[in-house]
Amino acid sequence: MLLLLWVASLSCAQVGGAVSREERLAPMEMGGVVIGMQRMKVLSFLGKPRSERVFENFIVLEAAYINLIIGFDESDAVSELEARTSKACLLKKICQGATLLEMQAELEAGGYLFNVIGDVLYVNGDGCWGEVRLSAGRARSVRILCSP
């Protein structure tokens, strides 16, 4: 009887603790900077950027670091990331210079939804997406973009 109650409680915990696909996936991040991170936290993590540009669009501030360009929205949150070198990657293997097969293998292993259209690999996220421009089957540029 006690064993039956214990098994029943486990199945209830699993149902109650069900996790959506988005919650299981790693957050959209690059170089340790996560989409939605506040500007002050980025500054404490990376320090002062090499340069900054101000815009009057969805992205109001762009901060350039050695390996990464970061776009901040009107709420001072990270809403765009762009790799400047192969040291800033989306996940672990989606880096400048990576082959399409390497990137697809990582995405499939992680359960990510993705699509290749022409010379662009798109990685689906929740309100944001990865965009990898390809040249001769290798990543030429890697970005994460978000909808306003």
Protein backbone atom coordinates (compact mmCIF):
# COMPACT_ATOMS: atom_id res chain seq x y z
CA MET A 1 0.00 0.00 0.00
CA LEU A 2 2.78 2.45 0.94
CA LEU A 3 4.67 1.55 -2.25
CA LEU A 4 1.57 2.28 -4.32
CA LEU A 5 1.15 5.70 -2.67
CA TRP A 6 4.83 6.50 -3.23
CA VAL A 7 4.63 5.60 -6.96
CA ALA A 8 1.42 7.60 -7.30
CA SER A 9 3.06 10.63 -5.70
CA LEU A 10 5.97 10.39 -8.15
CA SER A 11 3.69 10.41 -11.17
CA CYS A 12 1.76 13.37 -9.75
CA ALA A 13 5.01 15.25 -9.17
CA GLN A 14 6.08 14.60 -12.75
CA VAL A 15 2.77 15.82 -14.16
CA GLY A 16 2.68 18.87 -11.89
CA GLY A 17 6.34 19.60 -12.64
CA ALA A 18 5.96 19.32 -16.44
CA VAL A 19 8.26 21.74 -18.19
CA SER A 20 7.63 23.37 -21.55
CA ARG A 21 10.12 23.11 -24.43
CA GLU A 22 11.15 26.76 -23.93
CA GLU A 23 11.90 26.19 -20.24
CA ARG A 24 14.06 23.13 -21.04
CA LEU A 25 16.20 24.93 -23.60
CA ALA A 26 19.21 27.02 -22.70
CA PRO A 27 18.45 30.76 -22.72
CA MET A 28 19.44 32.74 -25.78
CA GLU A 29 22.90 33.95 -24.82
CA MET A 30 26.24 34.68 -26.35
CA GLY A 31 29.57 35.20 -24.62
CA GLY A 32 27.92 34.92 -21.21
CA VAL A 33 25.44 37.73 -21.98
CA VAL A 34 21.81 36.61 -21.83
CA ILE A 35 18.93 38.18 -23.74
CA GLY A 36 16.98 40.31 -21.25
CA MET A 37 20.02 41.01 -19.03
CA GLN A 38 20.01 44.57 -17.70
CA ARG A 39 22.71 47.01 -18.86
CA MET A 40 24.18 47.51 -15.38
CA LYS A 41 24.66 43.74 -15.02
CA VAL A 42 26.36 43.61 -18.44
CA LEU A 43 28.67 46.46 -17.39
CA SER A 44 29.60 44.66 -14.19
CA PHE A 45 30.22 41.45 -16.16
CA LEU A 46 32.12 42.82 -19.20
CA GLY A 47 33.23 46.26 -18.05
CA LYS A 48 33.15 49.42 -20.12
CA PRO A 49 32.58 48.87 -23.86
CA ARG A 50 35.14 49.96 -26.47
CA SER A 51 32.50 52.17 -28.09
CA GLU A 52 28.80 53.02 -27.92
CA ARG A 53 26.29 54.26 -30.48
CA VAL A 54 22.86 55.74 -29.73
CA PHE A 55 19.81 55.08 -31.92
CA GLU A 56 16.15 56.13 -31.93
CA ASN A 57 14.69 52.72 -32.78
CA PHE A 58 13.82 49.55 -30.83
CA ILE A 59 17.54 49.21 -30.12
CA VAL A 60 18.42 52.51 -28.45
CA LEU A 61 22.03 51.77 -27.51
CA GLU A 62 24.67 49.58 -29.11
CA ALA A 63 27.76 48.71 -27.05
CA ALA A 64 30.79 47.22 -28.81
CA TYR A 65 33.16 44.88 -27.00
CA ILE A 66 36.13 42.94 -28.39
CA ASN A 67 34.14 39.76 -29.09
CA LEU A 68 30.56 41.00 -29.02
CA ILE A 69 28.19 43.80 -30.02
CA ILE A 70 25.26 44.22 -27.64
CA GLY A 71 22.02 46.04 -28.42
CA PHE A 72 19.93 47.42 -25.56
CA ASP A 73 16.24 48.29 -25.88
CA GLU A 74 14.32 51.18 -24.31
CA SER A 75 14.06 49.31 -20.99
CA ASP A 76 17.88 48.97 -20.83
CA ALA A 77 17.69 45.21 -21.45
CA VAL A 78 19.78 43.20 -23.93
CA SER A 79 17.67 42.62 -27.05
CA GLU A 80 20.32 41.93 -29.67
CA LEU A 81 23.70 40.19 -29.69
CA GLU A 82 26.20 39.88 -32.50
CA ALA A 83 29.44 37.90 -32.42
CA ARG A 84 32.51 39.81 -33.59
CA THR A 85 34.87 36.82 -33.29
CA SER A 86 34.67 33.04 -33.03
CA LYS A 87 35.02 33.39 -29.24
CA ALA A 88 31.40 34.56 -28.86
CA CYS A 89 29.06 31.68 -29.67
CA LEU A 90 25.37 30.91 -29.54
CA LEU A 91 25.20 27.81 -27.34
CA LYS A 92 28.63 26.13 -27.51
CA LYS A 93 29.30 25.39 -31.18
CA ILE A 94 27.41 28.01 -33.15
CA CYS A 95 30.38 30.28 -33.75
CA GLN A 96 31.90 32.11 -36.69
CA GLY A 97 33.68 29.53 -38.81
CA ALA A 98 31.66 26.53 -37.56
CA THR A 99 30.31 24.14 -40.20
CA LEU A 100 26.60 23.83 -40.83
CA LEU A 101 26.76 20.14 -39.88
CA GLU A 102 28.38 20.94 -36.50
CA MET A 103 25.74 23.57 -35.73
CA GLN A 104 22.84 21.35 -36.80
CA ALA A 105 24.16 18.48 -34.63
CA GLU A 106 24.28 20.74 -31.55
CA LEU A 107 20.79 22.09 -32.20
CA GLU A 108 19.31 18.62 -32.76
CA ALA A 109 20.98 17.27 -29.60
CA GLY A 110 19.55 20.18 -27.57
CA GLY A 111 16.03 19.84 -28.99
CA TYR A 112 16.05 23.25 -30.69
CA LEU A 113 13.83 24.09 -33.63
CA PHE A 114 15.80 25.42 -36.57
CA ASN A 115 15.55 25.94 -40.29
CA VAL A 116 17.96 26.67 -43.12
CA ILE A 117 16.58 29.05 -45.72
CA GLY A 118 19.00 29.91 -48.49
CA ASP A 119 22.27 30.90 -46.85
CA VAL A 120 20.79 31.56 -43.38
CA LEU A 121 20.37 29.17 -40.44
CA TYR A 122 17.52 30.33 -38.18
CA VAL A 123 17.28 29.09 -34.58
CA ASN A 124 13.83 29.54 -33.08
CA GLY A 125 13.46 31.00 -29.62
CA ASP A 126 10.73 32.58 -27.52
CA GLY A 127 10.38 36.11 -28.97
CA CYS A 128 14.02 36.01 -30.10
CA TRP A 129 15.84 33.95 -32.68
CA GLY A 130 19.35 33.09 -33.73
CA GLU A 131 20.42 34.07 -37.22
CA VAL A 132 23.56 32.55 -38.72
CA ARG A 133 24.69 33.77 -42.14
CA LEU A 134 26.48 31.03 -44.06
CA SER A 135 29.20 31.10 -46.67
CA ALA A 136 30.48 27.87 -48.26
CA GLY A 137 28.76 25.83 -45.50
CA ARG A 138 30.35 27.75 -42.61
CA ALA A 139 29.06 30.44 -40.26
CA ARG A 140 30.10 33.87 -41.50
CA SER A 141 28.12 35.82 -38.89
CA VAL A 142 26.17 34.86 -35.75
CA ARG A 143 23.46 37.05 -34.21
CA ILE A 144 20.55 36.87 -31.81
CA LEU A 145 17.65 39.20 -32.57
CA CYS A 146 14.43 39.94 -30.69
CA SER A 147 11.06 41.32 -31.70
CA PRO A 148 10.06 44.68 -30.22
